Amino acid sequence: MTDTQTAQTATPADRLPCPECGQACKGAVGLGRHRAIKHGVPGQSKGATGRRRRAERQRATGKARHPLLDALGETRQLVDDVLAEFAAMMSMIGEVRGWNKTLRKALIRSRAESLRMTQQRTASEDKE
């Protein structure tokens, strides 16, 4: 007699033996869990087979696992686009502020130059 046959004959009536290794499990759920974990045998419940079929169908069609994941991906893309535009706008605002600073300095220089020239003219007119 093999080890599996020995285990099958030695298991109590309320336990189910594993067909692969002969370990006694408390029920169908326990046996299914044992086989899935220890031997990699996929489950046979409606939920397990339904998930497997749905996953296979989605892999074949190339769709996401859930429609909300598609929406989430689109939303993330929109947020990324908006953030990129915002960053570009902030950069432009910084450039404009820089221009304003440069223009302000140039205006102050030109006013100072005008004032200096006016003072020189006034001074030269006073001398005459």
Protein backbone atom coordinates (compact mmCIF):
# COMPACT_ATOMS: atom_id res chain seq x y z
CA MET A 1 0.00 0.00 0.00
CA THR A 2 1.29 3.54 -0.82
CA ASP A 3 1.47 6.46 1.61
CA THR A 4 -1.56 8.09 -0.02
CA GLN A 5 -3.65 4.96 0.35
CA THR A 6 -2.54 4.61 3.97
CA ALA A 7 -3.49 8.23 4.68
CA GLN A 8 -6.84 7.77 2.96
CA THR A 9 -7.69 4.71 4.99
CA ALA A 10 -6.44 6.27 8.26
CA THR A 11 -8.49 9.48 7.98
CA PRO A 12 -11.52 9.86 10.22
CA ALA A 13 -14.97 9.94 8.61
CA ASP A 14 -15.39 13.73 9.02
CA ARG A 15 -12.11 14.50 7.20
CA LEU A 16 -11.35 14.51 3.48
CA PRO A 17 -7.99 13.21 2.21
CA CYS A 18 -5.96 15.21 -0.29
CA PRO A 19 -5.69 13.28 -3.58
CA GLU A 20 -2.13 14.58 -4.13
CA CYS A 21 -0.51 13.93 -0.75
CA GLY A 22 -3.17 12.23 1.38
CA GLN A 23 -3.27 14.87 4.14
CA ALA A 24 -6.60 14.85 5.99
CA CYS A 25 -8.55 18.12 5.75
CA LYS A 26 -11.59 19.17 7.80
CA GLY A 27 -13.96 19.64 4.88
CA ALA A 28 -14.31 20.60 1.24
CA VAL A 29 -13.26 24.20 1.89
CA GLY A 30 -10.21 23.08 3.88
CA LEU A 31 -9.27 20.56 1.20
CA GLY A 32 -9.63 23.20 -1.51
CA ARG A 33 -7.49 25.64 0.45
CA HIS A 34 -4.85 22.99 1.14
CA ARG A 35 -4.68 21.98 -2.52
CA ALA A 36 -4.48 25.61 -3.66
CA ILE A 37 -1.70 26.49 -1.21
CA LYS A 38 0.36 23.31 -1.18
CA HIS A 39 -0.17 22.01 -4.72
CA GLY A 40 -1.18 25.11 -6.74
CA VAL A 41 -4.48 23.52 -7.79
CA PRO A 42 -6.97 26.28 -8.72
CA GLY A 43 -10.27 26.38 -6.83
CA GLN A 44 -13.49 24.95 -8.24
CA SER A 45 -16.00 27.26 -6.52
CA LYS A 46 -18.26 29.46 -8.64
CA GLY A 47 -16.45 32.56 -7.40
CA ALA A 48 -12.98 31.20 -8.21
CA THR A 49 -13.91 29.93 -11.66
CA GLY A 50 -15.82 33.14 -12.43
CA ARG A 51 -12.85 35.30 -11.47
CA ARG A 52 -10.55 33.09 -13.52
CA ARG A 53 -12.82 33.25 -16.58
CA ARG A 54 -13.26 37.02 -16.22
CA ALA A 55 -9.49 37.51 -15.90
CA GLU A 56 -8.85 35.36 -18.98
CA ARG A 57 -11.49 37.26 -20.96
CA GLN A 58 -10.04 40.62 -19.92
CA ARG A 59 -6.50 39.51 -20.79
CA ALA A 60 -7.76 38.43 -24.22
CA THR A 61 -9.57 41.73 -24.86
CA GLY A 62 -6.88 43.88 -23.26
CA LYS A 63 -9.36 45.64 -20.94
CA ALA A 64 -8.60 46.76 -17.41
CA ARG A 65 -9.66 44.61 -14.48
CA HIS A 66 -12.44 46.97 -13.43
CA PRO A 67 -14.15 49.90 -15.19
CA LEU A 68 -13.29 52.18 -12.27
CA LEU A 69 -9.61 51.52 -12.89
CA ASP A 70 -10.03 52.87 -16.43
CA ALA A 71 -11.72 55.97 -15.02
CA LEU A 72 -8.97 56.34 -12.43
CA GLY A 73 -6.32 56.13 -15.14
CA GLU A 74 -8.10 58.77 -17.22
CA THR A 75 -8.49 61.00 -14.16
CA ARG A 76 -4.81 60.64 -13.31
CA GLN A 77 -3.92 61.57 -16.88
CA LEU A 78 -6.15 64.66 -16.69
CA VAL A 79 -4.62 65.69 -13.38
CA ASP A 80 -1.12 65.21 -14.79
CA ASP A 81 -2.03 67.34 -17.83
CA VAL A 82 -3.50 70.10 -15.66
CA LEU A 83 -0.45 70.08 -13.39
CA ALA A 84 1.86 70.31 -16.40
CA GLU A 85 -0.11 73.27 -17.76
CA PHE A 86 -0.11 74.88 -14.33
CA ALA A 87 3.67 74.48 -14.08
CA ALA A 88 4.07 76.03 -17.54
CA MET A 89 1.84 78.96 -16.54
CA MET A 90 3.76 79.51 -13.33
CA SER A 91 6.98 79.50 -15.31
CA MET A 92 5.57 82.11 -17.67
CA ILE A 93 4.38 84.20 -14.73
CA GLY A 94 7.89 84.02 -13.31
CA GLU A 95 9.29 85.17 -16.64
CA VAL A 96 6.81 88.05 -16.80
CA ARG A 97 7.70 89.03 -13.25
CA GLY A 98 11.32 88.99 -14.33
CA TRP A 99 10.45 91.20 -17.28
CA ASN A 100 8.55 93.54 -14.99
CA LYS A 101 11.58 93.76 -12.73
CA THR A 102 13.85 94.46 -15.68
CA LEU A 103 11.43 97.00 -17.15
CA ARG A 104 11.03 98.67 -13.75
CA LYS A 105 14.81 98.98 -13.40
CA ALA A 106 15.10 100.36 -16.93
CA LEU A 107 12.31 102.88 -16.24
CA ILE A 108 13.97 104.00 -13.00
CA ARG A 109 17.30 104.34 -14.83
CA SER A 110 15.72 106.38 -17.61
CA ARG A 111 13.90 108.63 -15.11
CA ALA A 112 17.11 109.10 -13.17
CA GLU A 113 18.93 109.92 -16.42
CA SER A 114 16.19 112.40 -17.37
CA LEU A 115 16.38 114.01 -13.95
CA ARG A 116 20.17 114.25 -14.19
CA MET A 117 19.95 115.82 -17.63
CA THR A 118 17.31 118.28 -16.43
CA GLN A 119 19.47 119.20 -13.45
CA GLN A 120 22.49 119.69 -15.75
CA ARG A 121 20.45 121.90 -18.07
CA THR A 122 19.13 123.91 -15.16
CA ALA A 123 22.61 124.22 -13.75
CA SER A 124 24.04 125.35 -17.11
CA GLU A 125 21.18 127.85 -17.57
CA ASP A 126 21.84 129.24 -14.09
CA LYS A 127 25.52 129.73 -14.97
CA GLU A 128 24.66 131.68 -18.08
